[in-house]
Amino acid sequence: IRVTLAAAGALLALTACSAGGSGGAGAEPSAPAGAEPV
């Protein structure tokens, strides 16, 4: 259980940090590949 919880926490942290262009609050303020220009 401890390993599973640690892995889940690491996955959440990576997801938050890898958002790159994310403007927070669930918004995606930057242009993903193939999208309209920023």
PDB file of all heavy atoms in Angstrom:
ATOM      1  N   ILE A   1       0.837  -1.195   0.000  1.00  0.00           N
ATOM      2  CA  ILE A   1       0.000   0.000   0.000  1.00  0.00           C
ATOM      3  C   ILE A   1       0.878   1.254   0.000  1.00  0.00           C
ATOM      4  O   ILE A   1       0.620   2.196  -0.737  1.00  0.00           O
ATOM      5  CB  ILE A   1      -0.952   0.006   1.213  1.00  0.00           C
ATOM      6  CG1 ILE A   1      -1.980  -1.117   1.056  1.00  0.00           C
ATOM      7  CG2 ILE A   1      -1.649   1.345   1.358  1.00  0.00           C
ATOM      8  CD1 ILE A   1      -2.837  -1.324   2.272  1.00  0.00           C
ATOM      9  N   ARG A   2       1.938   1.233   0.810  1.00  0.00           N
ATOM     10  CA  ARG A   2       2.836   2.389   0.883  1.00  0.00           C
ATOM     11  C   ARG A   2       3.482   2.650  -0.483  1.00  0.00           C
ATOM     12  O   ARG A   2       3.564   3.780  -0.939  1.00  0.00           O
ATOM     13  CB  ARG A   2       3.909   2.147   1.943  1.00  0.00           C
ATOM     14  CG  ARG A   2       4.758   3.381   2.178  1.00  0.00           C
ATOM     15  CD  ARG A   2       5.762   3.195   3.284  1.00  0.00           C
ATOM     16  NE  ARG A   2       5.120   2.764   4.507  1.00  0.00           N
ATOM     17  CZ  ARG A   2       5.690   2.017   5.433  1.00  0.00           C
ATOM     18  NH1 ARG A   2       6.937   1.610   5.266  1.00  0.00           N
ATOM     19  NH2 ARG A   2       5.049   1.654   6.523  1.00  0.00           N
ATOM     20  N   VAL A   3       3.930   1.605  -1.183  1.00  0.00           N
ATOM     21  CA  VAL A   3       4.541   1.754  -2.498  1.00  0.00           C
ATOM     22  C   VAL A   3       3.516   2.277  -3.498  1.00  0.00           C
ATOM     23  O   VAL A   3       3.798   3.161  -4.301  1.00  0.00           O
ATOM     24  CB  VAL A   3       5.156   0.415  -2.972  1.00  0.00           C
ATOM     25  CG1 VAL A   3       5.588   0.500  -4.421  1.00  0.00           C
ATOM     26  CG2 VAL A   3       6.314   0.029  -2.072  1.00  0.00           C
ATOM     27  N   THR A   4       2.293   1.752  -3.460  1.00  0.00           N
ATOM     28  CA  THR A   4       1.243   2.197  -4.366  1.00  0.00           C
ATOM     29  C   THR A   4       0.922   3.669  -4.133  1.00  0.00           C
ATOM     30  O   THR A   4       0.782   4.435  -5.081  1.00  0.00           O
ATOM     31  CB  THR A   4      -0.026   1.339  -4.181  1.00  0.00           C
ATOM     32  OG1 THR A   4       0.317  -0.024  -4.429  1.00  0.00           O
ATOM     33  CG2 THR A   4      -1.124   1.770  -5.135  1.00  0.00           C
ATOM     34  N   LEU A   5       0.801   4.085  -2.864  1.00  0.00           N
ATOM     35  CA  LEU A   5       0.522   5.489  -2.558  1.00  0.00           C
ATOM     36  C   LEU A   5       1.665   6.380  -3.006  1.00  0.00           C
ATOM     37  O   LEU A   5       1.440   7.467  -3.542  1.00  0.00           O
ATOM     38  CB  LEU A   5       0.258   5.677  -1.068  1.00  0.00           C
ATOM     39  CG  LEU A   5      -1.059   5.100  -0.544  1.00  0.00           C
ATOM     40  CD1 LEU A   5      -1.143   5.242   0.961  1.00  0.00           C
ATOM     41  CD2 LEU A   5      -2.239   5.773  -1.213  1.00  0.00           C
ATOM     42  N   ALA A   6       2.896   5.957  -2.805  1.00  0.00           N
ATOM     43  CA  ALA A   6       4.045   6.742  -3.238  1.00  0.00           C
ATOM     44  C   ALA A   6       4.057   6.875  -4.764  1.00  0.00           C
ATOM     45  O   ALA A   6       4.329   7.947  -5.298  1.00  0.00           O
ATOM     46  CB  ALA A   6       5.346   6.110  -2.756  1.00  0.00           C
ATOM     47  N   ALA A   7       3.750   5.799  -5.471  1.00  0.00           N
ATOM     48  CA  ALA A   7       3.714   5.843  -6.930  1.00  0.00           C
ATOM     49  C   ALA A   7       2.601   6.763  -7.423  1.00  0.00           C
ATOM     50  O   ALA A   7       2.786   7.537  -8.363  1.00  0.00           O
ATOM     51  CB  ALA A   7       3.526   4.437  -7.502  1.00  0.00           C
ATOM     52  N   ALA A   8       1.451   6.707  -6.773  1.00  0.00           N
ATOM     53  CA  ALA A   8       0.336   7.580  -7.151  1.00  0.00           C
ATOM     54  C   ALA A   8       0.698   9.041  -6.926  1.00  0.00           C
ATOM     55  O   ALA A   8       0.415   9.905  -7.765  1.00  0.00           O
ATOM     56  CB  ALA A   8      -0.922   7.215  -6.371  1.00  0.00           C
ATOM     57  N   GLY A   9       1.349   9.341  -5.819  1.00  0.00           N
ATOM     58  CA  GLY A   9       1.776  10.711  -5.534  1.00  0.00           C
ATOM     59  C   GLY A   9       2.788  11.204  -6.549  1.00  0.00           C
ATOM     60  O   GLY A   9       2.721  12.339  -7.021  1.00  0.00           O
ATOM     61  N   ALA A  10       3.735  10.354  -6.920  1.00  0.00           N
ATOM     62  CA  ALA A  10       4.741  10.727  -7.913  1.00  0.00           C
ATOM     63  C   ALA A  10       4.093  10.983  -9.274  1.00  0.00           C
ATOM     64  O   ALA A  10       4.445  11.927  -9.973  1.00  0.00           O
ATOM     65  CB  ALA A  10       5.799   9.642  -8.022  1.00  0.00           C
ATOM     66  N   LEU A  11       3.117  10.147  -9.634  1.00  0.00           N
ATOM     67  CA  LEU A  11       2.413  10.327 -10.898  1.00  0.00           C
ATOM     68  C   LEU A  11       1.662  11.646 -10.920  1.00  0.00           C
ATOM     69  O   LEU A  11       1.704  12.382 -11.904  1.00  0.00           O
ATOM     70  CB  LEU A  11       1.453   9.157 -11.137  1.00  0.00           C
ATOM     71  CG  LEU A  11       0.659   9.213 -12.445  1.00  0.00           C
ATOM     72  CD1 LEU A  11       1.624   9.239 -13.631  1.00  0.00           C
ATOM     73  CD2 LEU A  11      -0.264   8.033 -12.547  1.00  0.00           C
ATOM     74  N   LEU A  12       1.005  11.998  -9.828  1.00  0.00           N
ATOM     75  CA  LEU A  12       0.303  13.281  -9.750  1.00  0.00           C
ATOM     76  C   LEU A  12       1.277  14.443  -9.868  1.00  0.00           C
ATOM     77  O   LEU A  12       1.013  15.424 -10.555  1.00  0.00           O
ATOM     78  CB  LEU A  12      -0.491  13.398  -8.445  1.00  0.00           C
ATOM     79  CG  LEU A  12      -1.772  12.580  -8.375  1.00  0.00           C
ATOM     80  CD1 LEU A  12      -2.363  12.645  -6.977  1.00  0.00           C
ATOM     81  CD2 LEU A  12      -2.769  13.060  -9.407  1.00  0.00           C
ATOM     82  N   ALA A  13       2.404  14.362  -9.211  1.00  0.00           N
ATOM     83  CA  ALA A  13       3.408  15.427  -9.280  1.00  0.00           C
ATOM     84  C   ALA A  13       3.944  15.579 -10.693  1.00  0.00           C
ATOM     85  O   ALA A  13       4.090  16.686 -11.196  1.00  0.00           O
ATOM     86  CB  ALA A  13       4.552  15.152  -8.306  1.00  0.00           C
ATOM     87  N   LEU A  14       4.239  14.456 -11.361  1.00  0.00           N
ATOM     88  CA  LEU A  14       4.727  14.516 -12.730  1.00  0.00           C
ATOM     89  C   LEU A  14       3.684  15.086 -13.667  1.00  0.00           C
ATOM     90  O   LEU A  14       3.991  15.876 -14.559  1.00  0.00           O
ATOM     91  CB  LEU A  14       5.141  13.118 -13.211  1.00  0.00           C
ATOM     92  CG  LEU A  14       6.453  12.592 -12.659  1.00  0.00           C
ATOM     93  CD1 LEU A  14       6.652  11.152 -13.084  1.00  0.00           C
ATOM     94  CD2 LEU A  14       7.605  13.455 -13.113  1.00  0.00           C
ATOM     95  N   THR A  15       2.440  14.711 -13.473  1.00  0.00           N
ATOM     96  CA  THR A  15       1.364  15.224 -14.308  1.00  0.00           C
ATOM     97  C   THR A  15       1.256  16.732 -14.153  1.00  0.00           C
ATOM     98  O   THR A  15       1.143  17.457 -15.124  1.00  0.00           O
ATOM     99  CB  THR A  15       0.018  14.551 -13.944  1.00  0.00           C
ATOM    100  OG1 THR A  15       0.171  13.151 -14.117  1.00  0.00           O
ATOM    101  CG2 THR A  15      -1.098  15.070 -14.815  1.00  0.00           C
ATOM    102  N   ALA A  16       1.317  17.235 -12.930  1.00  0.00           N
ATOM    103  CA  ALA A  16       1.216  18.677 -12.687  1.00  0.00           C
ATOM    104  C   ALA A  16       2.388  19.419 -13.289  1.00  0.00           C
ATOM    105  O   ALA A  16       2.227  20.481 -13.874  1.00  0.00           O
ATOM    106  CB  ALA A  16       1.131  18.956 -11.185  1.00  0.00           C
ATOM    107  N   CYS A  17       3.591  18.870 -13.174  1.00  0.00           N
ATOM    108  CA  CYS A  17       4.777  19.558 -13.666  1.00  0.00           C
ATOM    109  C   CYS A  17       4.938  19.445 -15.168  1.00  0.00           C
ATOM    110  O   CYS A  17       5.523  20.295 -15.794  1.00  0.00           O
ATOM    111  CB  CYS A  17       6.041  19.025 -12.991  1.00  0.00           C
ATOM    112  SG  CYS A  17       6.112  19.474 -11.255  1.00  0.00           S
ATOM    113  N   SER A  18       4.422  18.386 -15.775  1.00  0.00           N
ATOM    114  CA  SER A  18       4.614  18.206 -17.207  1.00  0.00           C
ATOM    115  C   SER A  18       3.581  18.953 -18.024  1.00  0.00           C
ATOM    116  O   SER A  18       3.650  18.964 -19.233  1.00  0.00           O
ATOM    117  CB  SER A  18       4.559  16.719 -17.560  1.00  0.00           C
ATOM    118  OG  SER A  18       3.261  16.213 -17.365  1.00  0.00           O
ATOM    119  N   ALA A  19       2.653  19.638 -17.366  1.00  0.00           N
ATOM    120  CA  ALA A  19       1.630  20.364 -18.104  1.00  0.00           C
ATOM    121  C   ALA A  19       2.224  21.490 -18.931  1.00  0.00           C
ATOM    122  O   ALA A  19       1.617  21.947 -19.872  1.00  0.00           O
ATOM    123  CB  ALA A  19       0.576  20.915 -17.139  1.00  0.00           C
ATOM    124  N   GLY A  20       3.443  21.953 -18.579  1.00  0.00           N
ATOM    125  CA  GLY A  20       4.149  22.945 -19.378  1.00  0.00           C
ATOM    126  C   GLY A  20       3.337  24.182 -19.635  1.00  0.00           C
ATOM    127  O   GLY A  20       3.503  25.163 -18.986  1.00  0.00           O
ATOM    128  N   GLY A  21       2.435  24.147 -20.591  1.00  0.00           N
ATOM    129  CA  GLY A  21       1.675  25.323 -20.954  1.00  0.00           C
ATOM    130  C   GLY A  21       0.426  25.500 -20.159  1.00  0.00           C
ATOM    131  O   GLY A  21      -0.346  26.401 -20.432  1.00  0.00           O
ATOM    132  N   SER A  22       0.165  24.687 -19.197  1.00  0.00           N
ATOM    133  CA  SER A  22      -1.077  24.803 -18.456  1.00  0.00           C
ATOM    134  C   SER A  22      -1.101  26.061 -17.636  1.00  0.00           C
ATOM    135  O   SER A  22      -0.160  26.415 -16.983  1.00  0.00           O
ATOM    136  CB  SER A  22      -1.236  23.596 -17.526  1.00  0.00           C
ATOM    137  OG  SER A  22      -2.363  23.760 -16.723  1.00  0.00           O
ATOM    138  N   GLY A  23      -2.198  26.747 -17.681  1.00  0.00           N
ATOM    139  CA  GLY A  23      -2.341  27.983 -16.937  1.00  0.00           C
ATOM    140  C   GLY A  23      -3.034  27.780 -15.629  1.00  0.00           C
ATOM    141  O   GLY A  23      -3.479  28.743 -15.018  1.00  0.00           O
ATOM    142  N   GLY A  24      -3.169  26.574 -15.161  1.00  0.00           N
ATOM    143  CA  GLY A  24      -3.820  26.316 -13.887  1.00  0.00           C
ATOM    144  C   GLY A  24      -5.321  26.298 -14.055  1.00  0.00           C
ATOM    145  O   GLY A  24      -5.876  26.584 -15.097  1.00  0.00           O
ATOM    146  N   ALA A  25      -6.012  25.963 -12.996  1.00  0.00           N
ATOM    147  CA  ALA A  25      -7.469  25.930 -12.947  1.00  0.00           C
ATOM    148  C   ALA A  25      -8.054  25.130 -14.109  1.00  0.00           C
ATOM    149  O   ALA A  25      -9.109  25.439 -14.616  1.00  0.00           O
ATOM    150  CB  ALA A  25      -8.042  27.348 -12.935  1.00  0.00           C
ATOM    151  N   GLY A  26      -7.314  24.106 -14.559  1.00  0.00           N
ATOM    152  CA  GLY A  26      -7.819  23.233 -15.606  1.00  0.00           C
ATOM    153  C   GLY A  26      -7.743  23.824 -17.002  1.00  0.00           C
ATOM    154  O   GLY A  26      -8.134  23.200 -17.953  1.00  0.00           O
ATOM    155  N   ALA A  27      -7.260  25.047 -17.128  1.00  0.00           N
ATOM    156  CA  ALA A  27      -7.189  25.700 -18.430  1.00  0.00           C
ATOM    157  C   ALA A  27      -5.928  25.270 -19.164  1.00  0.00           C
ATOM    158  O   ALA A  27      -4.942  24.929 -18.549  1.00  0.00           O
ATOM    159  CB  ALA A  27      -7.187  27.214 -18.249  1.00  0.00           C
ATOM    160  N   GLU A  28      -5.981  25.303 -20.460  1.00  0.00           N
ATOM    161  CA  GLU A  28      -4.802  25.032 -21.291  1.00  0.00           C
ATOM    162  C   GLU A  28      -4.551  26.290 -22.115  1.00  0.00           C
ATOM    163  O   GLU A  28      -5.056  26.438 -23.220  1.00  0.00           O
ATOM    164  CB  GLU A  28      -5.062  23.820 -22.199  1.00  0.00           C
ATOM    165  CG  GLU A  28      -3.906  23.443 -23.085  1.00  0.00           C
ATOM    166  CD  GLU A  28      -2.656  23.047 -22.338  1.00  0.00           C
ATOM    167  OE1 GLU A  28      -2.748  22.429 -21.271  1.00  0.00           O
ATOM    168  OE2 GLU A  28      -1.563  23.357 -22.825  1.00  0.00           O
ATOM    169  N   PRO A  29      -3.788  27.256 -21.566  1.00  0.00           N
ATOM    170  CA  PRO A  29      -3.634  28.533 -22.236  1.00  0.00           C
ATOM    171  C   PRO A  29      -2.696  28.519 -23.427  1.00  0.00           C
ATOM    172  O   PRO A  29      -2.702  29.438 -24.204  1.00  0.00           O
ATOM    173  CB  PRO A  29      -3.076  29.439 -21.138  1.00  0.00           C
ATOM    174  CG  PRO A  29      -2.358  28.512 -20.237  1.00  0.00           C
ATOM    175  CD  PRO A  29      -3.142  27.232 -20.283  1.00  0.00           C
ATOM    176  N   SER A  30      -1.867  27.513 -23.580  1.00  0.00           N
ATOM    177  CA  SER A  30      -0.909  27.470 -24.677  1.00  0.00           C
ATOM    178  C   SER A  30      -1.394  26.558 -25.780  1.00  0.00           C
ATOM    179  O   SER A  30      -2.281  25.753 -25.595  1.00  0.00           O
ATOM    180  CB  SER A  30       0.443  26.984 -24.162  1.00  0.00           C
ATOM    181  OG  SER A  30       0.897  27.829 -23.146  1.00  0.00           O
ATOM    182  N   ALA A  31      -0.752  26.693 -26.923  1.00  0.00           N
ATOM    183  CA  ALA A  31      -1.175  25.938 -28.091  1.00  0.00           C
ATOM    184  C   ALA A  31      -0.588  24.540 -28.098  1.00  0.00           C
ATOM    185  O   ALA A  31       0.615  24.378 -28.148  1.00  0.00           O
ATOM    186  CB  ALA A  31      -0.746  26.663 -29.356  1.00  0.00           C
ATOM    187  N   PRO A  32      -1.429  23.504 -28.038  1.00  0.00           N
ATOM    188  CA  PRO A  32      -0.919  22.157 -28.223  1.00  0.00           C
ATOM    189  C   PRO A  32      -0.594  21.943 -29.703  1.00  0.00           C
ATOM    190  O   PRO A  32      -1.003  22.721 -30.546  1.00  0.00           O
ATOM    191  CB  PRO A  32      -2.081  21.265 -27.763  1.00  0.00           C
ATOM    192  CG  PRO A  32      -3.286  22.123 -27.865  1.00  0.00           C
ATOM    193  CD  PRO A  32      -2.837  23.541 -27.715  1.00  0.00           C
ATOM    194  N   ALA A  33       0.139  20.875 -29.993  1.00  0.00           N
ATOM    195  CA  ALA A  33       0.548  20.590 -31.365  1.00  0.00           C
ATOM    196  C   ALA A  33      -0.646  20.613 -32.303  1.00  0.00           C
ATOM    197  O   ALA A  33      -1.695  20.047 -32.014  1.00  0.00           O
ATOM    198  CB  ALA A  33       1.244  19.235 -31.422  1.00  0.00           C
ATOM    199  N   GLY A  34      -0.494  21.304 -33.436  1.00  0.00           N
ATOM    200  CA  GLY A  34      -1.545  21.352 -34.443  1.00  0.00           C
ATOM    201  C   GLY A  34      -2.655  22.333 -34.133  1.00  0.00           C
ATOM    202  O   GLY A  34      -3.604  22.438 -34.889  1.00  0.00           O
ATOM    203  N   ALA A  35      -2.554  23.077 -33.058  1.00  0.00           N
ATOM    204  CA  ALA A  35      -3.604  24.012 -32.672  1.00  0.00           C
ATOM    205  C   ALA A  35      -3.364  25.372 -33.313  1.00  0.00           C
ATOM    206  O   ALA A  35      -2.348  25.618 -33.950  1.00  0.00           O
ATOM    207  CB  ALA A  35      -3.644  24.149 -31.159  1.00  0.00           C
ATOM    208  N   GLU A  36      -4.321  26.249 -33.107  1.00  0.00           N
ATOM    209  CA  GLU A  36      -4.190  27.632 -33.570  1.00  0.00           C
ATOM    210  C   GLU A  36      -2.962  28.271 -32.927  1.00  0.00           C
ATOM    211  O   GLU A  36      -2.557  27.878 -31.835  1.00  0.00           O
ATOM    212  CB  GLU A  36      -5.450  28.412 -33.178  1.00  0.00           C
ATOM    213  CG  GLU A  36      -6.698  27.964 -33.894  1.00  0.00           C
ATOM    214  CD  GLU A  36      -6.637  28.219 -35.391  1.00  0.00           C
ATOM    215  OE1 GLU A  36      -6.195  29.312 -35.800  1.00  0.00           O
ATOM    216  OE2 GLU A  36      -7.025  27.318 -36.137  1.00  0.00           O
ATOM    217  N   PRO A  37      -2.402  29.286 -33.577  1.00  0.00           N
ATOM    218  CA  PRO A  37      -1.246  29.979 -32.987  1.00  0.00           C
ATOM    219  C   PRO A  37      -1.591  30.606 -31.632  1.00  0.00           C
ATOM    220  O   PRO A  37      -2.733  30.962 -31.378  1.00  0.00           O
ATOM    221  CB  PRO A  37      -0.927  31.067 -34.011  1.00  0.00           C
ATOM    222  CG  PRO A  37      -1.549  30.605 -35.281  1.00  0.00           C
ATOM    223  CD  PRO A  37      -2.742  29.797 -34.886  1.00  0.00           C
ATOM    224  N   VAL A  38      -0.588  30.733 -30.794  1.00  0.00           N
ATOM    225  CA  VAL A  38      -0.721  31.403 -29.506  1.00  0.00           C
ATOM    226  C   VAL A  38      -0.752  32.898 -29.790  1.00  0.00           C
ATOM    227  O   VAL A  38       0.045  33.399 -30.580  1.00  0.00           O
ATOM    228  CB  VAL A  38       0.492  31.061 -28.603  1.00  0.00           C
ATOM    229  CG1 VAL A  38       0.475  31.868 -27.336  1.00  0.00           C
ATOM    230  CG2 VAL A  38       0.522  29.585 -28.301  1.00  0.00           C
TER     231      VAL A  38
END
